Amino acid sequence: MTPCHRTTQSIHTSHASRCPRAVGAIISAAAFALTAPPSLAAPPPAAAPSQAPQPAPSEPAPSEPAPSEPAPAPPAADAPAEPRWAPTLDADARRRIVDAVNTAAQRSRFRGGILVAIDGQPLIIGGEGPRIPGAPADSDGAKPIDEHTIYELASIAKHITAIVILQIAREGRLDLDAPIESFFTAELAAPDPDLKVDLATSSARGVTIRQLLSHQSGLNNDDGISPYAEPSRHAMVRRFFGSSRLAEPGTRFDYNNAAYCLLAAIIEKVTNDTFENVMKARVFDKASMTSTGFPPGDTLSQSQRVRRKGNFAFHDHPWGWGYRGCGGILSTPADMLAFDRALADGTLLDADQLALMHAPGKPVGPRQPDATYALGWYVGQRDGMLRASHSGGSFGCRANFVRYPGQRVVIAAFSDDTANPFAITDAAEAAIVAEIASVRDNVSPKPASAP
């Protein structure tokens, strides 16, 4: 029997279910009460337009093929605050959402971590399967995946890097439209002819921080990225400024991991501290993400590791200036719920900064013709609701993270390369959108700005 561990807390109770077969029900419906608590009671009914649910889109990680379905269309920049429907969903609706995730997990034989929460309260949080398949029965690896199991986030780390850049900009310590070469005067003028970069001919000259954040640098990621374990920040900067140009800066979307490595270097230059220290102080500590860190994860619980490719665990990942800023963060479903709460309550960014972060950017390409990339997020609208997301994949880890900020909804799945996180997040997302559409046909909730 494959061990699994899930917790439900949608009505302020918890329940750890058992799997009756190799991949079984994640949560028992008995965990749900038959009536919703007062906080979930729906407001008085009023007329509201109806829109049919759409297929669940999901953007690819750089290392994964793009899905065939388009992402949602971007919202208007001046769109009013959307009514907050999700918190009004009753216990029956929430049970159906859980059932949809159960079905997806069974069909896809998912092994990994799952988070589904509304208004900061998890419907599902925990995991499916053992941390390390085939591990001895008396070892940590044989323990079931739960909400404290550590996964790598891969490119989901990008919006966390972007948050720190926006925090520093709010403090007036950098200008999002400053040219990036202004931060590296000494490095680019190195006396060593093997290290010096000729800015007069560099394709990176004049690129701005905002363009790095939104993947609009126009530079070629393939010749701008250093090796994952690159020990030298200077070497990474030099390599980036030697990138070839694919397009004029600011004219189109070109996904660029190297751009986020340079953002990590800018964070160090401005703060005069290490990237890791800054991220911990400004994000992990503020959001109470107590089990989050970086490779090799020596400050984290080794007993909570999960397998990557073969028998490797998270601490085997190379870490250096080819990965800082664009990936590598290690975290848990519980910590990512804390992260979502800290975004929602203004702990990490204020409302104006969040609006800036979610403002539509350039279209991301023909496989997702309606999606745009904002500042660290793929953004769009689905069924009239703002959707922000990012996926990630690297060295045997795959993950997807989706937020509906106006609805206070977060959906995430984390695994190694043996499971598909999109099977879980797409199922949860489709179920939530369908339940919201059903409620909206009959009930008019208070606007999100109402007390």
Protein backbone atom coordinates (compact mmCIF):
# COMPACT_ATOMS: atom_id res chain seq x y z
CA MET A 1 0.00 0.00 0.00
CA THR A 2 1.33 3.43 -0.96
CA PRO A 3 1.28 5.77 2.03
CA CYS A 4 -0.41 9.13 1.63
CA HIS A 5 -1.15 12.00 3.93
CA ARG A 6 -3.64 14.79 3.37
CA THR A 7 -5.19 17.34 5.65
CA THR A 8 -8.43 19.25 5.13
CA GLN A 9 -9.15 22.43 7.04
CA SER A 10 -11.86 24.13 5.02
CA ILE A 11 -14.28 24.06 7.96
CA HIS A 12 -11.71 24.31 10.72
CA THR A 13 -11.25 20.54 11.09
CA SER A 14 -8.47 18.23 10.00
CA HIS A 15 -8.46 14.71 8.65
CA ALA A 16 -5.61 12.47 7.51
CA SER A 17 -6.99 9.88 5.13
CA ARG A 18 -5.74 6.44 4.25
CA CYS A 19 -5.17 5.19 0.71
CA PRO A 20 -7.10 1.96 0.10
CA ARG A 21 -5.00 1.11 -2.95
CA ALA A 22 -1.76 2.10 -4.69
CA VAL A 23 -3.19 5.51 -5.52
CA GLY A 24 -6.38 6.09 -3.62
CA ALA A 25 -8.68 8.78 -2.33
CA ILE A 26 -6.71 11.67 -0.96
CA ILE A 27 -9.42 13.02 1.31
CA SER A 28 -12.50 11.33 2.68
CA ALA A 29 -15.72 13.21 2.07
CA ALA A 30 -16.56 12.48 5.71
CA ALA A 31 -14.06 15.18 6.64
CA PHE A 32 -16.57 17.78 5.49
CA ALA A 33 -19.49 18.94 7.57
CA LEU A 34 -22.92 19.02 5.98
CA THR A 35 -23.32 22.72 6.64
CA ALA A 36 -20.88 25.56 6.15
CA PRO A 37 -19.73 27.70 9.10
CA PRO A 38 -21.12 31.23 9.41
CA SER A 39 -18.04 32.67 7.72
CA LEU A 40 -18.99 30.78 4.54
CA ALA A 41 -22.61 31.87 4.48
CA ALA A 42 -23.57 33.42 1.15
CA PRO A 43 -24.79 37.05 0.96
CA PRO A 44 -28.35 37.85 -0.20
CA PRO A 45 -28.99 36.84 -3.82
CA ALA A 46 -28.83 39.32 -6.66
CA ALA A 47 -28.66 39.12 -10.43
CA ALA A 48 -25.23 38.37 -11.83
CA PRO A 49 -24.06 37.57 -15.37
CA SER A 50 -23.10 34.02 -16.14
CA GLN A 51 -20.03 32.82 -17.98
CA ALA A 52 -19.25 29.22 -18.83
CA PRO A 53 -16.10 27.76 -17.32
CA GLN A 54 -13.12 27.51 -19.66
CA PRO A 55 -10.45 24.82 -19.91
CA ALA A 56 -7.71 25.15 -17.31
CA PRO A 57 -4.59 26.68 -18.85
CA SER A 58 -1.11 26.20 -17.51
CA GLU A 59 2.13 27.74 -18.71
CA PRO A 60 5.17 25.56 -19.25
CA ALA A 61 8.38 25.62 -17.32
CA PRO A 62 11.34 26.43 -19.57
CA SER A 63 12.27 22.76 -19.69
CA GLU A 64 8.77 21.53 -20.48
CA PRO A 65 6.70 21.64 -23.68
CA ALA A 66 3.93 24.20 -23.72
CA PRO A 67 0.37 22.93 -23.29
CA SER A 68 -1.88 22.99 -26.32
CA GLU A 69 -4.64 25.08 -24.78
CA PRO A 70 -4.24 28.89 -24.64
CA ALA A 71 -3.80 30.73 -21.39
CA PRO A 72 -6.49 33.23 -20.38
CA ALA A 73 -6.69 36.72 -21.80
CA PRO A 74 -5.04 39.53 -19.80
CA PRO A 75 -7.20 41.86 -17.73
CA ALA A 76 -7.60 45.51 -18.57
CA ALA A 77 -5.09 47.65 -16.71
CA ASP A 78 -7.92 49.72 -15.20
CA ALA A 79 -10.20 46.77 -14.41
CA PRO A 80 -12.24 47.26 -11.21
CA ALA A 81 -11.81 44.95 -8.23
CA GLU A 82 -13.57 41.69 -8.98
CA PRO A 83 -16.29 40.38 -6.66
CA ARG A 84 -14.89 37.78 -4.31
CA TRP A 85 -16.88 34.63 -5.02
CA ALA A 86 -14.61 31.81 -3.82
CA PRO A 87 -14.93 32.40 -0.05
CA THR A 88 -18.73 32.00 -0.37
CA LEU A 89 -18.45 28.40 -1.59
CA ASP A 90 -20.22 26.07 0.83
CA ALA A 91 -19.08 22.71 2.18
CA ASP A 92 -20.74 20.77 -0.64
CA ALA A 93 -18.93 22.83 -3.27
CA ARG A 94 -15.65 22.37 -1.47
CA ARG A 95 -16.24 18.62 -1.23
CA ARG A 96 -16.72 18.49 -5.00
CA ILE A 97 -13.43 20.34 -5.49
CA VAL A 98 -11.66 17.82 -3.29
CA ASP A 99 -13.31 14.95 -5.17
CA ALA A 100 -12.05 16.39 -8.47
CA VAL A 101 -8.50 16.43 -7.12
CA ASN A 102 -8.89 12.89 -5.78
CA THR A 103 -9.99 11.70 -9.21
CA ALA A 104 -7.10 13.46 -10.95
CA ALA A 105 -4.60 11.98 -8.50
CA GLN A 106 -5.93 8.48 -9.06
CA ARG A 107 -6.00 8.76 -12.83
CA SER A 108 -2.53 10.25 -13.09
CA ARG A 109 -1.05 8.09 -10.30
CA PHE A 110 0.32 11.28 -8.78
CA ARG A 111 3.09 11.18 -6.19
CA GLY A 112 3.93 14.51 -4.66
CA GLY A 113 2.72 17.48 -2.62
CA ILE A 114 -0.60 19.28 -3.10
CA LEU A 115 -1.99 22.58 -1.84
CA VAL A 116 -5.49 23.93 -2.52
CA ALA A 117 -6.66 26.82 -0.34
CA ILE A 118 -9.36 29.47 -0.32
CA ASP A 119 -9.04 32.65 1.72
CA GLY A 120 -5.92 31.32 3.41
CA GLN A 121 -7.63 28.12 4.63
CA PRO A 122 -6.56 24.84 3.00
CA LEU A 123 -9.03 22.46 1.47
CA ILE A 124 -6.11 20.13 0.75
CA ILE A 125 -2.58 20.30 2.07
CA GLY A 126 -0.20 17.39 2.25
CA GLY A 127 1.05 14.68 -0.05
CA GLU A 128 0.60 11.43 -1.90
CA GLY A 129 3.07 8.54 -1.79
CA PRO A 130 6.42 7.92 -0.08
CA ARG A 131 9.16 10.53 -0.10
CA ILE A 132 11.65 8.16 -1.69
CA PRO A 133 10.15 5.14 -3.49
CA GLY A 134 11.85 1.88 -2.60
CA ALA A 135 13.43 3.25 0.56
CA PRO A 136 13.79 0.84 3.51
CA ALA A 137 10.61 0.65 5.54
CA ASP A 138 12.28 1.98 8.69
CA SER A 139 13.93 4.97 6.94
CA ASP A 140 12.86 8.60 6.58
CA GLY A 141 12.49 8.03 2.85
CA ALA A 142 9.65 5.57 3.43
CA LYS A 143 7.62 8.14 5.36
CA PRO A 144 4.60 9.55 3.52
CA ILE A 145 4.85 12.88 1.72
CA ASP A 146 3.06 15.54 3.78
CA GLU A 147 2.73 19.31 4.04
CA HIS A 148 6.28 19.55 5.42
CA THR A 149 8.01 17.59 2.66
CA ILE A 150 10.59 19.69 0.86
CA TYR A 151 10.56 20.21 -2.90
CA GLU A 152 12.49 22.45 -5.22
CA LEU A 153 10.37 25.16 -6.82
CA ALA A 154 12.56 25.62 -9.92
CA SER A 155 11.26 28.60 -11.93
CA ILE A 156 8.49 29.35 -9.43
CA ALA A 157 11.38 31.10 -7.65
CA LYS A 158 11.25 33.86 -10.25
CA HIS A 159 8.28 35.68 -8.77
CA ILE A 160 9.94 35.51 -5.34
CA THR A 161 13.04 37.21 -6.79
CA ALA A 162 10.72 39.76 -8.41
CA ILE A 163 9.08 40.50 -5.05
CA VAL A 164 12.44 41.48 -3.54
CA ILE A 165 13.26 43.72 -6.51
CA LEU A 166 9.91 45.50 -6.07
CA GLN A 167 10.49 45.89 -2.33
CA ILE A 168 13.86 47.54 -2.96
CA ALA A 169 12.32 49.77 -5.64
CA ARG A 170 9.61 50.86 -3.19
CA GLU A 171 12.37 51.95 -0.82
CA GLY A 172 13.81 54.18 -3.56
CA ARG A 173 17.04 52.20 -3.77
CA LEU A 174 16.68 51.30 -7.43
CA ASP A 175 14.71 52.42 -10.47
CA LEU A 176 12.94 49.71 -12.45
CA ASP A 177 13.77 51.61 -15.62
CA ALA A 178 17.47 52.03 -14.85
CA PRO A 179 19.88 50.50 -17.39
CA ILE A 180 21.39 47.35 -15.95
CA GLU A 181 24.98 48.31 -16.81
CA SER A 182 24.77 51.11 -14.22
CA PHE A 183 24.99 48.47 -11.47
CA PHE A 184 28.15 46.82 -12.79
CA THR A 185 30.51 49.64 -13.68
CA ALA A 186 33.50 48.08 -11.92
CA GLU A 187 32.88 44.57 -13.19
CA LEU A 188 32.46 45.65 -16.78
CA ALA A 189 35.62 47.80 -16.70
CA ALA A 190 37.88 45.08 -15.28
CA PRO A 191 41.52 45.60 -16.26
CA ASP A 192 41.93 41.94 -17.16
CA PRO A 193 41.34 41.74 -20.93
CA ASP A 194 39.80 38.31 -20.49
CA LEU A 195 37.14 39.72 -18.18
CA LYS A 196 36.49 43.19 -19.58
CA VAL A 197 33.26 43.68 -21.54
CA ASP A 198 33.04 46.27 -24.30
CA LEU A 199 29.80 48.06 -23.46
CA ALA A 200 29.88 49.84 -26.79
CA THR A 201 29.18 46.55 -28.53
CA SER A 202 27.24 44.70 -25.81
CA SER A 203 23.69 43.76 -26.77
CA ALA A 204 22.72 44.08 -23.10
CA ARG A 205 23.51 47.78 -22.97
CA GLY A 206 20.41 49.84 -22.20
CA VAL A 207 18.31 46.89 -21.06
CA THR A 208 16.34 47.83 -17.93
CA ILE A 209 15.45 46.01 -14.73
CA ARG A 210 11.79 46.07 -15.75
CA GLN A 211 12.70 44.33 -19.00
CA LEU A 212 14.63 41.65 -17.12
CA LEU A 213 11.63 41.04 -14.85
CA SER A 214 9.20 40.75 -17.78
CA HIS A 215 11.47 38.69 -20.10
CA GLN A 216 11.63 41.58 -22.54
CA SER A 217 15.42 41.99 -22.62
CA GLY A 218 15.53 40.69 -26.19
CA LEU A 219 18.64 38.66 -25.28
CA ASN A 220 19.40 35.03 -26.01
CA ASN A 221 19.14 32.88 -22.89
CA ASP A 222 21.21 30.08 -24.40
CA ASP A 223 24.44 32.07 -24.60
CA GLY A 224 23.77 34.28 -21.59
CA ILE A 225 23.41 31.68 -18.87
CA SER A 226 26.39 30.46 -16.85
CA PRO A 227 26.76 26.84 -15.68
CA TYR A 228 24.38 26.03 -12.81
CA ALA A 229 27.27 25.73 -10.35
CA GLU A 230 29.11 28.85 -11.60
CA PRO A 231 30.93 30.10 -8.46
CA SER A 232 31.71 33.59 -9.73
CA ARG A 233 29.18 36.40 -9.86
CA HIS A 234 31.64 38.33 -11.99
CA ALA A 235 31.83 35.54 -14.56
CA MET A 236 28.02 35.34 -14.73
CA VAL A 237 27.73 39.11 -15.25
CA ARG A 238 30.39 39.04 -17.96
CA ARG A 239 28.68 36.15 -19.73
CA PHE A 240 25.30 37.89 -19.58
CA PHE A 241 26.65 41.07 -21.12
CA GLY A 242 28.06 38.94 -23.92
CA SER A 243 24.61 37.61 -24.85
CA SER A 244 23.49 37.83 -28.42
CA ARG A 245 20.34 39.75 -29.28
CA LEU A 246 17.12 38.15 -30.51
CA ALA A 247 15.00 41.31 -30.60
CA GLU A 248 15.06 44.96 -29.57
CA PRO A 249 14.59 45.31 -25.80
CA GLY A 250 10.98 45.90 -24.79
CA THR A 251 9.47 44.65 -28.04
CA ARG A 252 8.62 41.01 -27.32
CA PHE A 253 8.67 38.16 -24.80
CA ASP A 254 11.70 35.86 -24.80
CA TYR A 255 11.99 33.63 -21.72
CA ASN A 256 15.41 34.20 -20.18
CA ASN A 257 16.68 32.44 -17.06
CA ALA A 258 19.90 34.42 -17.22
CA ALA A 259 17.95 37.66 -16.74
CA TYR A 260 16.85 36.50 -13.29
CA CYS A 261 20.42 35.51 -12.41
CA LEU A 262 21.41 39.09 -13.17
CA LEU A 263 18.53 40.33 -10.99
CA ALA A 264 20.01 38.28 -8.13
CA ALA A 265 23.35 40.01 -8.71
CA ILE A 266 21.62 43.42 -8.68
CA ILE A 267 19.99 42.52 -5.35
CA GLU A 268 23.43 41.79 -3.91
CA LYS A 269 24.92 45.01 -5.31
CA VAL A 270 22.16 47.23 -3.94
CA THR A 271 21.88 45.60 -0.51
CA ASN A 272 25.57 44.80 -0.01
CA ASP A 273 24.55 41.37 1.25
CA THR A 274 24.29 37.87 -0.15
CA PHE A 275 21.29 36.94 -2.24
CA GLU A 276 20.43 34.13 0.17
CA ASN A 277 20.51 36.40 3.22
CA VAL A 278 18.35 39.01 1.52
CA MET A 279 15.74 36.50 0.39
CA LYS A 280 15.55 35.00 3.86
CA ALA A 281 15.14 38.35 5.61
CA ARG A 282 12.76 39.93 3.12
CA VAL A 283 10.56 36.97 2.15
CA PHE A 284 11.08 33.73 4.07
CA ASP A 285 11.21 35.26 7.55
CA LYS A 286 8.48 37.84 6.91
CA ALA A 287 6.14 35.18 5.55
CA SER A 288 7.02 32.66 8.31
CA MET A 289 8.37 30.20 5.76
CA THR A 290 10.31 28.19 8.30
CA SER A 291 11.26 25.25 6.05
CA THR A 292 12.40 27.19 2.99
CA GLY A 293 15.96 27.69 1.80
CA PHE A 294 18.47 26.99 -0.95
CA PRO A 295 20.62 24.06 -2.12
CA PRO A 296 22.29 22.18 -0.60
CA GLY A 297 19.61 22.65 2.05
CA ASP A 298 21.95 22.08 4.98
CA THR A 299 19.79 24.39 7.13
CA LEU A 300 16.68 22.30 6.35
CA SER A 301 15.51 18.93 7.59
CA GLN A 302 17.23 16.20 5.61
CA SER A 303 14.53 13.76 6.74
CA GLN A 304 11.98 15.73 4.71
CA ARG A 305 13.80 15.34 1.40
CA VAL A 306 12.20 13.80 -1.68
CA ARG A 307 13.77 11.84 -4.48
CA ARG A 308 14.78 13.49 -7.72
CA LYS A 309 16.06 11.57 -10.71
CA GLY A 310 17.40 8.18 -9.74
CA ASN A 311 18.09 8.28 -6.01
CA PHE A 312 19.17 11.91 -5.75
CA ALA A 313 17.56 14.22 -3.20
CA PHE A 314 17.21 18.01 -3.14
CA HIS A 315 20.61 18.58 -1.56
CA ASP A 316 22.36 17.03 -4.58
CA HIS A 317 21.39 19.94 -6.83
CA PRO A 318 24.23 22.18 -8.13
CA TRP A 319 23.98 25.74 -6.84
CA GLY A 320 25.75 28.78 -8.15
CA TRP A 321 25.45 31.89 -10.27
CA GLY A 322 23.82 30.04 -13.14
CA TYR A 323 20.80 29.33 -10.92
CA ARG A 324 20.53 32.08 -8.29
CA GLY A 325 17.44 34.18 -8.87
CA CYS A 326 15.92 32.01 -11.58
CA GLY A 327 15.39 28.80 -9.58
CA GLY A 328 16.66 26.63 -6.77
CA ILE A 329 14.44 27.62 -3.85
CA LEU A 330 13.52 24.65 -1.65
CA SER A 331 10.13 24.79 0.09
CA THR A 332 7.09 22.86 1.31
CA PRO A 333 3.31 22.98 0.71
CA ALA A 334 2.88 24.48 4.20
CA ASP A 335 5.42 27.22 3.51
CA MET A 336 3.90 28.03 0.13
CA LEU A 337 0.55 28.47 1.86
CA ALA A 338 2.27 30.89 4.25
CA PHE A 339 3.76 32.66 1.22
CA ASP A 340 0.31 33.01 -0.37
CA ARG A 341 -1.10 34.45 2.86
CA ALA A 342 1.76 36.96 3.09
CA LEU A 343 1.05 38.13 -0.46
CA ALA A 344 -2.68 38.40 0.23
CA ASP A 345 -2.39 40.36 3.49
CA GLY A 346 0.19 42.90 2.29
CA THR A 347 3.11 41.53 4.31
CA LEU A 348 5.37 41.26 1.26
CA LEU A 349 4.00 43.89 -1.14
CA ASP A 350 1.41 46.63 -0.89
CA ALA A 351 -1.64 46.80 -3.18
CA ASP A 352 0.00 49.15 -5.68
CA GLN A 353 3.04 46.91 -6.01
CA LEU A 354 0.89 43.83 -6.49
CA ALA A 355 -1.05 45.64 -9.21
CA LEU A 356 2.26 46.53 -10.88
CA MET A 357 3.44 42.94 -10.55
CA HIS A 358 0.27 41.65 -12.24
CA ALA A 359 0.06 44.28 -15.00
CA PRO A 360 -0.01 42.51 -18.39
CA GLY A 361 3.24 42.34 -20.34
CA LYS A 362 4.03 40.99 -23.79
CA PRO A 363 2.26 37.95 -25.28
CA VAL A 364 4.24 34.81 -24.53
CA GLY A 365 3.95 33.05 -27.88
CA PRO A 366 1.80 31.11 -30.32
CA ARG A 367 1.17 28.13 -28.02
CA GLN A 368 -0.41 30.50 -25.49
CA PRO A 369 -1.69 33.28 -27.74
CA ASP A 370 -3.62 35.12 -25.01
CA ALA A 371 -1.10 34.86 -22.17
CA THR A 372 1.26 37.63 -21.15
CA TYR A 373 4.23 37.70 -18.80
CA ALA A 374 4.10 40.40 -16.14
CA LEU A 375 6.79 40.88 -13.47
CA GLY A 376 7.60 37.33 -12.44
CA TRP A 377 4.19 35.86 -13.28
CA TYR A 378 2.22 34.63 -16.26
CA VAL A 379 -0.99 36.65 -15.98
CA GLY A 380 -4.42 36.71 -17.57
CA GLN A 381 -8.11 36.48 -16.89
CA ARG A 382 -10.16 33.35 -16.60
CA ASP A 383 -13.92 33.66 -16.47
CA GLY A 384 -13.57 37.30 -15.42
CA MET A 385 -11.04 36.60 -12.65
CA LEU A 386 -7.37 37.61 -12.47
CA ARG A 387 -5.10 34.57 -12.75
CA ALA A 388 -1.36 34.62 -11.94
CA SER A 389 0.82 31.54 -12.23
CA HIS A 390 4.24 30.05 -12.77
CA SER A 391 5.47 26.53 -13.33
CA GLY A 392 8.92 25.07 -12.88
CA GLY A 393 10.98 22.08 -13.88
CA SER A 394 14.64 21.23 -13.36
CA PHE A 395 16.84 18.27 -12.42
CA GLY A 396 13.98 15.89 -11.75
CA CYS A 397 11.55 18.30 -10.10
CA ARG A 398 8.29 19.56 -11.55
CA ALA A 399 5.91 22.03 -9.94
CA ASN A 400 3.05 24.39 -10.73
CA PHE A 401 1.75 27.32 -8.68
CA VAL A 402 -1.49 29.17 -9.49
CA ARG A 403 -3.14 32.09 -7.71
CA TYR A 404 -6.43 33.87 -8.22
CA PRO A 405 -5.55 36.97 -6.15
CA GLY A 406 -9.02 38.51 -6.26
CA GLN A 407 -10.57 35.26 -5.07
CA ARG A 408 -7.92 34.46 -2.45
CA VAL A 409 -7.41 31.08 -4.14
CA VAL A 410 -4.07 29.26 -4.35
CA ILE A 411 -3.45 25.92 -6.07
CA ALA A 412 -0.10 24.14 -6.21
CA ALA A 413 1.42 20.74 -6.88
CA PHE A 414 5.03 19.59 -6.44
CA SER A 415 6.71 16.39 -7.55
CA ASP A 416 9.80 14.79 -9.00
CA ASP A 417 9.88 13.92 -12.70
CA THR A 418 7.73 10.79 -12.24
CA ALA A 419 4.47 12.72 -11.87
CA ASN A 420 2.60 15.50 -13.64
CA PRO A 421 1.71 18.44 -11.35
CA PHE A 422 -0.54 19.93 -14.03
CA ALA A 423 -2.91 16.97 -13.71
CA ILE A 424 -3.59 18.15 -10.15
CA THR A 425 -3.59 21.91 -10.58
CA ASP A 426 -5.70 21.84 -13.75
CA ALA A 427 -8.31 19.62 -12.09
CA ALA A 428 -8.49 21.79 -8.98
CA GLU A 429 -8.63 24.97 -11.01
CA ALA A 430 -11.38 23.72 -13.32
CA ALA A 431 -13.46 22.56 -10.35
CA ILE A 432 -13.09 25.86 -8.49
CA VAL A 433 -13.94 27.94 -11.57
CA ALA A 434 -17.00 25.78 -12.23
CA GLU A 435 -18.21 26.10 -8.63
CA ILE A 436 -17.72 29.87 -8.71
CA ALA A 437 -19.69 30.09 -11.98
CA SER A 438 -22.53 28.12 -10.38
CA VAL A 439 -22.65 30.39 -7.33
CA ARG A 440 -22.38 33.53 -9.44
CA ASP A 441 -25.52 32.55 -11.38
CA ASN A 442 -27.57 32.81 -8.21
CA VAL A 443 -25.72 34.99 -5.70
CA SER A 444 -24.07 38.40 -5.79
CA PRO A 445 -21.23 38.55 -3.23
CA LYS A 446 -19.81 41.72 -1.76
CA PRO A 447 -17.01 43.36 -3.75
CA ALA A 448 -13.49 42.42 -2.69
CA SER A 449 -12.96 45.89 -1.22
CA ALA A 450 -15.94 45.59 1.13
CA PRO A 451 -15.26 44.97 4.85
